[in-house]
Amino acid sequence: MKWGSYFVLAMVLLGMMVGQAGAQEIDLEGLLVSDFQVFGEELGDGAYVYQDGEWNVAELFQSSVDNKAFIFQEGNDNEAKQEQVGVGNWAGIRQNGNANRASIYQNGNDNWAGIYQLGNENSASIEQRGNSNRAGIFQQGNGNNASIVQTGDNFRANIVQKGNNNSATITQSGL
């Protein structure tokens, strides 16, 4: 099973839930990360960035066809961004520590999304405007924050936050 399937499984299991520490204990690590070591081989056409440390930053932009993408950063000043526009979509982003930030924006067709952050200044976002949507975001500790905005079609969403300054927002709209 591809790691993307684990992510969808996680979203299906969580339904449309927002959890924060004290409200709900959810272990997503196994579902989101268990196959990350092979995602490079299974990504197919798409893009992929891996960074390890120091001042990180990565941006991806893809326009059309079977999309996919990913960014995987480990430590220091992080930041990431993605944008995909049309057709197959997917996305990703995973950050581990330090100043974090992320974002994903996809425009239409089969969307998914992602984001996973673990420690330090956190923040996130996801915005998908149309078609089959789903979303994600899991943060673990420190500055937290999140958001998800999906505007049309089949929505789903989740945000799970565990410790420190928390905050969350989900806005899903009409057709």
N, C-alpha and C. Protein backbone atom coordinates (compact mmCIF):
# COMPACT_ATOMS: atom_id res chain seq x y z
N MET A 1 0.85 -1.18 0.00
CA MET A 1 0.00 0.00 0.00
C MET A 1 0.88 1.23 0.00
N LYS A 2 0.59 2.21 -0.81
CA LYS A 2 1.39 3.42 -0.87
C LYS A 2 1.17 4.27 0.37
N TRP A 3 2.15 5.09 0.72
CA TRP A 3 2.01 5.91 1.92
C TRP A 3 0.88 6.90 1.79
N GLY A 4 0.55 7.32 0.59
CA GLY A 4 -0.58 8.21 0.40
C GLY A 4 -1.87 7.56 0.85
N SER A 5 -1.96 6.26 0.65
CA SER A 5 -3.13 5.52 1.09
C SER A 5 -3.25 5.54 2.60
N TYR A 6 -2.11 5.50 3.31
CA TYR A 6 -2.16 5.59 4.76
C TYR A 6 -2.72 6.94 5.19
N PHE A 7 -2.35 7.99 4.48
CA PHE A 7 -2.84 9.31 4.83
C PHE A 7 -4.34 9.38 4.66
N VAL A 8 -4.85 8.86 3.56
CA VAL A 8 -6.29 8.85 3.34
C VAL A 8 -6.96 8.00 4.40
N LEU A 9 -6.36 6.87 4.74
CA LEU A 9 -6.91 6.03 5.79
C LEU A 9 -7.01 6.82 7.09
N ALA A 10 -5.97 7.60 7.39
CA ALA A 10 -6.00 8.41 8.60
C ALA A 10 -7.15 9.39 8.57
N MET A 11 -7.38 10.01 7.43
CA MET A 11 -8.46 10.98 7.33
C MET A 11 -9.82 10.30 7.43
N VAL A 12 -9.95 9.13 6.86
CA VAL A 12 -11.22 8.41 6.96
C VAL A 12 -11.47 8.01 8.39
N LEU A 13 -10.44 7.51 9.08
CA LEU A 13 -10.60 7.11 10.47
C LEU A 13 -10.96 8.28 11.37
N LEU A 14 -10.43 9.45 11.05
CA LEU A 14 -10.69 10.60 11.89
C LEU A 14 -11.96 11.34 11.52
N GLY A 15 -12.47 11.10 10.35
CA GLY A 15 -13.68 11.78 9.91
C GLY A 15 -13.47 13.28 9.87
N MET A 16 -14.44 14.02 10.27
CA MET A 16 -14.33 15.47 10.28
C MET A 16 -14.13 15.91 11.71
N MET A 17 -12.94 15.70 12.24
CA MET A 17 -12.67 15.91 13.63
C MET A 17 -11.60 16.95 13.84
N VAL A 18 -11.75 17.74 14.84
CA VAL A 18 -10.69 18.62 15.28
C VAL A 18 -10.37 18.20 16.70
N GLY A 19 -9.14 17.83 16.98
CA GLY A 19 -8.79 17.42 18.32
C GLY A 19 -7.66 18.27 18.84
N GLN A 20 -7.69 18.60 20.11
CA GLN A 20 -6.59 19.29 20.73
C GLN A 20 -6.25 18.53 21.99
N ALA A 21 -5.06 18.72 22.48
CA ALA A 21 -4.64 18.02 23.68
C ALA A 21 -5.68 18.19 24.77
N GLY A 22 -5.91 17.15 25.51
CA GLY A 22 -6.92 17.23 26.54
C GLY A 22 -8.29 16.88 26.01
N ALA A 23 -8.56 17.16 24.76
CA ALA A 23 -9.85 16.84 24.18
C ALA A 23 -9.85 15.45 23.59
N GLN A 24 -8.76 15.04 23.00
CA GLN A 24 -8.72 13.78 22.29
C GLN A 24 -7.29 13.33 22.09
N GLU A 25 -6.97 12.09 22.39
CA GLU A 25 -5.66 11.53 22.09
C GLU A 25 -5.75 10.71 20.83
N ILE A 26 -5.04 11.09 19.80
CA ILE A 26 -5.05 10.38 18.53
C ILE A 26 -3.61 10.10 18.16
N ASP A 27 -3.28 8.87 17.79
CA ASP A 27 -1.93 8.57 17.35
C ASP A 27 -1.89 8.48 15.84
N LEU A 28 -1.48 9.56 15.19
CA LEU A 28 -1.42 9.59 13.74
C LEU A 28 -0.05 9.23 13.22
N GLU A 29 0.95 9.19 14.06
CA GLU A 29 2.29 9.01 13.56
C GLU A 29 2.42 7.76 12.71
N GLY A 30 1.90 6.65 13.12
CA GLY A 30 1.99 5.42 12.34
C GLY A 30 1.28 5.55 11.01
N LEU A 31 0.18 6.25 10.98
CA LEU A 31 -0.59 6.36 9.75
C LEU A 31 0.02 7.33 8.75
N LEU A 32 0.62 8.40 9.23
CA LEU A 32 1.14 9.39 8.31
C LEU A 32 2.58 9.13 7.90
N VAL A 33 3.34 8.45 8.71
CA VAL A 33 4.77 8.42 8.52
C VAL A 33 5.32 7.05 8.25
N SER A 34 4.59 6.00 8.47
CA SER A 34 5.17 4.67 8.45
C SER A 34 5.83 4.31 7.14
N ASP A 35 5.41 4.87 6.04
CA ASP A 35 6.02 4.54 4.76
C ASP A 35 6.80 5.69 4.16
N PHE A 36 7.14 6.71 4.91
CA PHE A 36 7.84 7.85 4.35
C PHE A 36 9.16 7.46 3.72
N GLN A 37 9.80 6.37 4.20
CA GLN A 37 11.09 6.03 3.63
C GLN A 37 10.99 5.58 2.20
N VAL A 38 9.84 5.17 1.72
CA VAL A 38 9.72 4.74 0.34
C VAL A 38 8.93 5.71 -0.52
N PHE A 39 8.50 6.83 0.01
CA PHE A 39 7.67 7.70 -0.80
C PHE A 39 8.40 8.21 -2.02
N GLY A 40 9.71 8.35 -1.96
CA GLY A 40 10.47 8.81 -3.11
C GLY A 40 10.29 7.91 -4.31
N GLU A 41 10.35 6.60 -4.10
CA GLU A 41 10.18 5.66 -5.20
C GLU A 41 8.76 5.64 -5.72
N GLU A 42 7.79 5.84 -4.86
CA GLU A 42 6.40 5.66 -5.25
C GLU A 42 5.72 6.94 -5.70
N LEU A 43 6.41 8.03 -5.68
CA LEU A 43 5.78 9.30 -6.00
C LEU A 43 5.36 9.39 -7.46
N GLY A 44 6.03 8.67 -8.34
CA GLY A 44 5.66 8.73 -9.75
C GLY A 44 6.00 10.10 -10.30
N ASP A 45 5.25 10.57 -11.31
CA ASP A 45 5.53 11.92 -11.75
C ASP A 45 5.00 12.87 -10.71
N GLY A 46 5.73 13.89 -10.46
CA GLY A 46 5.41 14.80 -9.40
C GLY A 46 6.67 15.54 -9.07
N ALA A 47 6.85 15.92 -7.84
CA ALA A 47 8.07 16.58 -7.43
C ALA A 47 8.41 16.06 -6.05
N TYR A 48 9.57 16.36 -5.58
CA TYR A 48 10.00 15.86 -4.29
C TYR A 48 11.15 16.71 -3.83
N VAL A 49 11.17 17.14 -2.62
CA VAL A 49 12.29 17.88 -2.05
C VAL A 49 12.57 17.28 -0.70
N TYR A 50 13.80 17.06 -0.35
CA TYR A 50 14.15 16.65 1.00
C TYR A 50 15.22 17.59 1.48
N GLN A 51 15.10 18.15 2.64
CA GLN A 51 16.14 19.00 3.22
C GLN A 51 16.42 18.49 4.61
N ASP A 52 17.59 18.80 5.16
CA ASP A 52 17.92 18.24 6.45
C ASP A 52 18.08 19.29 7.53
N GLY A 53 18.93 20.28 7.33
CA GLY A 53 19.12 21.25 8.39
C GLY A 53 19.59 22.59 7.89
N GLU A 54 19.62 23.56 8.73
CA GLU A 54 19.98 24.95 8.54
C GLU A 54 18.77 25.78 8.13
N TRP A 55 18.87 26.62 7.15
CA TRP A 55 17.84 27.63 6.94
C TRP A 55 16.71 27.20 6.01
N ASN A 56 16.61 25.96 5.66
CA ASN A 56 15.51 25.42 4.84
C ASN A 56 14.59 26.46 4.21
N VAL A 57 14.00 26.15 3.16
CA VAL A 57 12.90 26.83 2.48
C VAL A 57 12.68 25.95 1.29
N ALA A 58 11.51 25.72 0.83
CA ALA A 58 11.31 24.98 -0.41
C ALA A 58 9.99 25.43 -0.97
N GLU A 59 9.87 25.53 -2.24
CA GLU A 59 8.61 25.89 -2.85
C GLU A 59 8.42 24.97 -4.03
N LEU A 60 7.24 24.55 -4.31
CA LEU A 60 6.93 23.74 -5.46
C LEU A 60 5.78 24.42 -6.17
N PHE A 61 5.76 24.36 -7.44
CA PHE A 61 4.59 24.80 -8.18
C PHE A 61 4.42 23.83 -9.32
N GLN A 62 3.28 23.26 -9.51
CA GLN A 62 2.99 22.40 -10.64
C GLN A 62 1.69 22.89 -11.21
N SER A 63 1.47 22.72 -12.48
CA SER A 63 0.24 23.25 -13.02
C SER A 63 -0.76 22.18 -13.41
N SER A 64 -0.43 21.29 -14.28
CA SER A 64 -1.46 20.37 -14.74
C SER A 64 -0.94 18.96 -14.91
N VAL A 65 -1.78 18.05 -15.06
CA VAL A 65 -1.64 16.62 -15.24
C VAL A 65 -1.62 15.94 -13.89
N ASP A 66 -0.97 14.81 -13.74
CA ASP A 66 -1.23 13.96 -12.57
C ASP A 66 -0.61 14.44 -11.28
N ASN A 67 -0.12 15.66 -11.18
CA ASN A 67 0.47 16.22 -9.97
C ASN A 67 1.00 15.19 -8.99
N LYS A 68 1.17 15.53 -7.77
CA LYS A 68 1.73 14.87 -6.61
C LYS A 68 2.74 15.89 -6.15
N ALA A 69 3.40 15.73 -5.12
CA ALA A 69 4.44 16.66 -4.69
C ALA A 69 4.89 16.18 -3.34
N PHE A 70 5.81 16.79 -2.75
CA PHE A 70 6.18 16.52 -1.39
C PHE A 70 7.27 17.45 -1.00
N ILE A 71 7.43 17.72 0.22
CA ILE A 71 8.55 18.44 0.79
C ILE A 71 8.74 17.76 2.12
N PHE A 72 9.94 17.58 2.55
CA PHE A 72 10.19 16.87 3.80
C PHE A 72 11.37 17.58 4.39
N GLN A 73 11.25 18.29 5.44
CA GLN A 73 12.33 19.06 6.05
C GLN A 73 12.57 18.52 7.44
N GLU A 74 13.75 18.67 7.99
CA GLU A 74 13.99 18.12 9.31
C GLU A 74 14.18 19.18 10.38
N GLY A 75 15.18 20.05 10.27
CA GLY A 75 15.38 20.98 11.35
C GLY A 75 15.84 22.35 10.92
N ASN A 76 15.79 23.30 11.81
CA ASN A 76 16.17 24.69 11.69
C ASN A 76 15.06 25.56 11.13
N ASP A 77 15.34 26.52 10.28
CA ASP A 77 14.35 27.56 10.06
C ASP A 77 13.20 27.22 9.12
N ASN A 78 13.09 25.99 8.67
CA ASN A 78 11.97 25.51 7.86
C ASN A 78 11.16 26.58 7.14
N GLU A 79 10.20 26.17 6.43
CA GLU A 79 9.20 26.89 5.67
C GLU A 79 8.95 25.97 4.50
N ALA A 80 7.89 25.98 3.84
CA ALA A 80 7.64 25.14 2.67
C ALA A 80 6.49 25.82 1.97
N LYS A 81 6.06 25.41 0.88
CA LYS A 81 4.91 25.98 0.21
C LYS A 81 4.64 25.04 -0.93
N GLN A 82 3.50 24.91 -1.39
CA GLN A 82 3.20 24.13 -2.57
C GLN A 82 2.04 24.80 -3.24
N GLU A 83 1.85 24.53 -4.46
CA GLU A 83 0.68 25.05 -5.16
C GLU A 83 0.51 24.09 -6.30
N GLN A 84 -0.62 23.62 -6.60
CA GLN A 84 -0.76 22.67 -7.69
C GLN A 84 -1.84 23.01 -8.69
N VAL A 85 -2.71 23.68 -8.80
CA VAL A 85 -3.73 23.96 -9.83
C VAL A 85 -4.61 22.82 -10.33
N GLY A 86 -4.31 21.98 -11.34
CA GLY A 86 -5.36 21.07 -11.79
C GLY A 86 -5.01 19.61 -11.96
N VAL A 87 -5.94 18.74 -12.04
CA VAL A 87 -5.98 17.30 -12.30
C VAL A 87 -5.68 16.46 -11.07
N GLY A 88 -4.67 15.55 -11.06
CA GLY A 88 -4.57 14.51 -10.03
C GLY A 88 -4.29 14.97 -8.62
N ASN A 89 -3.62 16.10 -8.42
CA ASN A 89 -3.23 16.61 -7.11
C ASN A 89 -2.76 15.54 -6.13
N TRP A 90 -2.35 15.90 -5.00
CA TRP A 90 -1.96 15.17 -3.79
C TRP A 90 -1.30 16.24 -2.97
N ALA A 91 -0.13 16.18 -2.47
CA ALA A 91 0.67 17.23 -1.88
C ALA A 91 1.60 16.66 -0.85
N GLY A 92 1.62 17.07 0.38
CA GLY A 92 2.55 16.51 1.34
C GLY A 92 2.97 17.53 2.37
N ILE A 93 4.27 17.77 2.50
CA ILE A 93 4.95 18.58 3.51
C ILE A 93 4.99 17.75 4.79
N ARG A 94 6.13 17.70 5.37
CA ARG A 94 6.31 17.16 6.71
C ARG A 94 7.47 17.93 7.26
N GLN A 95 7.44 18.46 8.39
CA GLN A 95 8.54 19.20 8.99
C GLN A 95 8.77 18.60 10.36
N ASN A 96 9.94 18.69 10.91
CA ASN A 96 10.14 18.10 12.21
C ASN A 96 10.41 19.10 13.32
N GLY A 97 11.36 19.99 13.15
CA GLY A 97 11.63 20.88 14.26
C GLY A 97 12.08 22.26 13.86
N ASN A 98 12.01 23.17 14.78
CA ASN A 98 12.40 24.57 14.71
C ASN A 98 11.31 25.47 14.17
N ALA A 99 11.63 26.45 13.35
CA ALA A 99 10.66 27.52 13.13
C ALA A 99 9.45 27.16 12.27
N ASN A 100 9.39 26.00 11.66
CA ASN A 100 8.25 25.54 10.88
C ASN A 100 7.44 26.65 10.20
N ARG A 101 6.49 26.32 9.47
CA ARG A 101 5.53 27.07 8.69
C ARG A 101 5.22 26.12 7.59
N ALA A 102 4.22 26.19 6.88
CA ALA A 102 3.96 25.32 5.74
C ALA A 102 2.82 25.95 4.99
N SER A 103 2.27 25.33 4.03
CA SER A 103 1.14 25.85 3.31
C SER A 103 0.89 24.85 2.22
N ILE A 104 -0.22 24.78 1.64
CA ILE A 104 -0.50 23.96 0.48
C ILE A 104 -1.65 24.68 -0.16
N TYR A 105 -1.68 24.80 -1.41
CA TYR A 105 -2.84 25.37 -2.09
C TYR A 105 -3.04 24.53 -3.31
N GLN A 106 -4.18 24.02 -3.55
CA GLN A 106 -4.47 23.23 -4.74
C GLN A 106 -5.74 23.81 -5.30
N ASN A 107 -5.93 23.79 -6.58
CA ASN A 107 -7.06 24.49 -7.15
C ASN A 107 -8.23 23.60 -7.52
N GLY A 108 -8.01 22.59 -8.35
CA GLY A 108 -9.14 21.75 -8.73
C GLY A 108 -8.78 20.31 -9.02
N ASN A 109 -9.75 19.48 -9.11
CA ASN A 109 -9.71 18.05 -9.37
C ASN A 109 -9.48 17.24 -8.11
N ASP A 110 -8.74 16.13 -8.17
CA ASP A 110 -8.89 15.16 -7.08
C ASP A 110 -8.19 15.50 -5.77
N ASN A 111 -7.63 16.68 -5.57
CA ASN A 111 -7.04 17.12 -4.30
C ASN A 111 -6.74 16.00 -3.30
N TRP A 112 -5.92 16.26 -2.34
CA TRP A 112 -5.73 15.57 -1.07
C TRP A 112 -5.11 16.64 -0.21
N ALA A 113 -4.00 16.47 0.43
CA ALA A 113 -3.20 17.53 1.03
C ALA A 113 -2.19 16.94 1.97
N GLY A 114 -2.13 17.31 3.22
CA GLY A 114 -1.14 16.74 4.12
C GLY A 114 -0.77 17.69 5.22
N ILE A 115 0.54 17.94 5.39
CA ILE A 115 1.17 18.70 6.46
C ILE A 115 1.20 17.81 7.68
N TYR A 116 2.27 17.88 8.41
CA TYR A 116 2.50 17.07 9.62
C TYR A 116 3.47 17.93 10.38
N GLN A 117 3.54 18.43 11.39
CA GLN A 117 4.65 19.19 11.93
C GLN A 117 4.90 18.58 13.27
N LEU A 118 6.06 18.69 13.86
CA LEU A 118 6.21 18.09 15.16
C LEU A 118 6.56 19.08 16.25
N GLY A 119 7.61 19.86 16.11
CA GLY A 119 7.93 20.73 17.21
C GLY A 119 8.37 22.12 16.82
N ASN A 120 8.28 23.03 17.74
CA ASN A 120 8.70 24.43 17.69
C ASN A 120 7.64 25.37 17.16
N GLU A 121 7.97 26.36 16.42
CA GLU A 121 7.05 27.46 16.18
C GLU A 121 5.79 27.12 15.37
N ASN A 122 5.73 25.98 14.69
CA ASN A 122 4.56 25.55 13.93
C ASN A 122 3.78 26.65 13.23
N SER A 123 2.71 26.27 12.60
CA SER A 123 1.80 27.06 11.80
C SER A 123 1.46 26.11 10.68
N ALA A 124 0.52 26.30 9.86
CA ALA A 124 0.24 25.42 8.74
C ALA A 124 -0.81 26.10 7.91
N SER A 125 -1.49 25.44 7.06
CA SER A 125 -2.57 25.99 6.29
C SER A 125 -2.87 24.94 5.25
N ILE A 126 -3.89 25.00 4.54
CA ILE A 126 -4.21 24.15 3.42
C ILE A 126 -5.35 24.91 2.80
N GLU A 127 -5.46 24.97 1.54
CA GLU A 127 -6.63 25.58 0.93
C GLU A 127 -6.83 24.84 -0.36
N GLN A 128 -7.95 24.26 -0.58
CA GLN A 128 -8.22 23.53 -1.80
C GLN A 128 -9.52 24.10 -2.31
N ARG A 129 -9.65 24.49 -3.53
CA ARG A 129 -10.87 25.18 -3.92
C ARG A 129 -11.96 24.32 -4.51
N GLY A 130 -11.63 23.24 -5.24
CA GLY A 130 -12.74 22.47 -5.78
C GLY A 130 -12.44 21.02 -6.05
N ASN A 131 -13.46 20.22 -6.17
CA ASN A 131 -13.48 18.80 -6.46
C ASN A 131 -13.29 17.93 -5.23
N SER A 132 -12.61 16.82 -5.35
CA SER A 132 -12.79 15.78 -4.34
C SER A 132 -12.19 16.05 -2.96
N ASN A 133 -11.45 17.13 -2.74
CA ASN A 133 -10.90 17.51 -1.44
C ASN A 133 -10.61 16.36 -0.49
N ARG A 134 -10.03 16.60 0.59
CA ARG A 134 -9.69 15.92 1.81
C ARG A 134 -8.66 16.86 2.39
N ALA A 135 -8.11 16.69 3.51
CA ALA A 135 -7.10 17.65 3.98
C ALA A 135 -6.11 17.04 4.94
N GLY A 136 -6.03 17.43 6.18
CA GLY A 136 -5.06 16.86 7.09
C GLY A 136 -4.62 17.86 8.13
N ILE A 137 -3.33 17.96 8.38
CA ILE A 137 -2.65 18.76 9.40
C ILE A 137 -2.62 17.94 10.68
N PHE A 138 -1.47 17.77 11.22
CA PHE A 138 -1.25 17.18 12.54
C PHE A 138 -0.12 17.97 13.11
N GLN A 139 -0.21 18.53 14.23
CA GLN A 139 0.88 19.27 14.86
C GLN A 139 1.11 18.65 16.22
N GLN A 140 2.30 18.70 16.75
CA GLN A 140 2.50 18.08 18.04
C GLN A 140 2.77 19.06 19.16
N GLY A 141 3.78 19.91 19.06
CA GLY A 141 4.04 20.78 20.19
C GLY A 141 4.61 22.13 19.83
N ASN A 142 4.49 23.08 20.73
CA ASN A 142 4.99 24.44 20.68
C ASN A 142 4.00 25.41 20.05
N GLY A 143 4.41 26.30 19.15
CA GLY A 143 3.57 27.42 18.74
C GLY A 143 2.24 27.10 18.10
N ASN A 144 2.08 25.92 17.53
CA ASN A 144 0.85 25.51 16.87
C ASN A 144 0.11 26.63 16.15
N ASN A 145 -1.00 26.29 15.60
CA ASN A 145 -1.86 27.13 14.78
C ASN A 145 -2.28 26.17 13.69
N ALA A 146 -3.14 26.44 12.82
CA ALA A 146 -3.47 25.56 11.70
C ALA A 146 -4.51 26.29 10.89
N SER A 147 -5.23 25.65 10.05
CA SER A 147 -6.26 26.25 9.25
C SER A 147 -6.59 25.21 8.22
N ILE A 148 -7.67 25.24 7.58
CA ILE A 148 -7.99 24.43 6.43
C ILE A 148 -9.13 25.20 5.82
N VAL A 149 -9.13 25.45 4.56
CA VAL A 149 -10.25 26.09 3.91
C VAL A 149 -10.50 25.27 2.68
N GLN A 150 -11.62 24.72 2.48
CA GLN A 150 -11.93 23.99 1.25
C GLN A 150 -13.20 24.64 0.75
N THR A 151 -13.31 24.97 -0.49
CA THR A 151 -14.45 25.75 -0.91
C THR A 151 -15.55 24.99 -1.60
N GLY A 152 -15.26 24.02 -2.46
CA GLY A 152 -16.35 23.30 -3.10
C GLY A 152 -16.11 21.81 -3.22
N ASP A 153 -17.15 21.06 -3.42
CA ASP A 153 -17.19 19.63 -3.66
C ASP A 153 -17.10 18.78 -2.40
N ASN A 154 -16.38 17.68 -2.43
CA ASN A 154 -16.61 16.63 -1.43
C ASN A 154 -15.97 16.78 -0.06
N PHE A 155 -15.31 17.87 0.27
CA PHE A 155 -14.69 18.12 1.56
C PHE A 155 -14.39 16.88 2.39
N ARG A 156 -13.79 17.04 3.45
CA ARG A 156 -13.44 16.27 4.59
C ARG A 156 -12.38 17.13 5.21
N ALA A 157 -11.95 16.94 6.39
CA ALA A 157 -10.86 17.72 6.97
C ALA A 157 -10.49 17.09 8.28
N ASN A 158 -9.39 17.32 8.82
CA ASN A 158 -9.07 17.10 10.20
C ASN A 158 -7.93 17.97 10.61
N ILE A 159 -7.88 18.30 11.84
CA ILE A 159 -6.75 18.97 12.46
C ILE A 159 -6.58 18.23 13.76
N VAL A 160 -5.40 17.85 14.11
CA VAL A 160 -5.15 17.26 15.42
C VAL A 160 -3.99 18.04 15.99
N GLN A 161 -4.10 18.60 17.14
CA GLN A 161 -3.00 19.33 17.77
C GLN A 161 -2.79 18.71 19.13
N LYS A 162 -1.59 18.71 19.64
CA LYS A 162 -1.41 18.09 20.93
C LYS A 162 -1.01 19.08 22.02
N GLY A 163 0.17 19.66 22.00
CA GLY A 163 0.52 20.49 23.14
C GLY A 163 0.90 21.91 22.80
N ASN A 164 0.88 22.78 23.77
CA ASN A 164 1.28 24.17 23.75
C ASN A 164 0.20 25.11 23.23
N ASN A 165 0.52 26.06 22.38
CA ASN A 165 -0.37 27.19 22.18
C ASN A 165 -1.59 26.97 21.30
N ASN A 166 -1.74 25.82 20.69
CA ASN A 166 -2.91 25.45 19.91
C ASN A 166 -3.68 26.60 19.27
N SER A 167 -4.65 26.23 18.48
CA SER A 167 -5.54 27.10 17.74
C SER A 167 -5.92 26.27 16.54
N ALA A 168 -7.01 26.47 15.90
CA ALA A 168 -7.37 25.69 14.73
C ALA A 168 -8.48 26.42 14.00
N THR A 169 -8.69 26.12 12.77
CA THR A 169 -9.78 26.69 12.01
C THR A 169 -10.09 25.72 10.91
N ILE A 170 -11.31 25.41 10.66
CA ILE A 170 -11.70 24.67 9.47
C ILE A 170 -12.84 25.46 8.89
N THR A 171 -12.79 25.77 7.63
CA THR A 171 -13.90 26.41 6.95
C THR A 171 -14.16 25.61 5.71
N GLN A 172 -15.29 25.04 5.54
CA GLN A 172 -15.63 24.34 4.31
C GLN A 172 -16.87 25.02 3.80
N SER A 173 -17.04 25.12 2.51
CA SER A 173 -18.13 25.92 2.00
C SER A 173 -19.11 25.10 1.18
N GLY A 174 -19.84 25.71 0.24
CA GLY A 174 -20.84 25.02 -0.55
C GLY A 174 -20.31 24.47 -1.85
N LEU A 175 -21.22 24.17 -2.74
CA LEU A 175 -20.85 23.55 -4.00
C LEU A 175 -19.96 24.40 -4.86
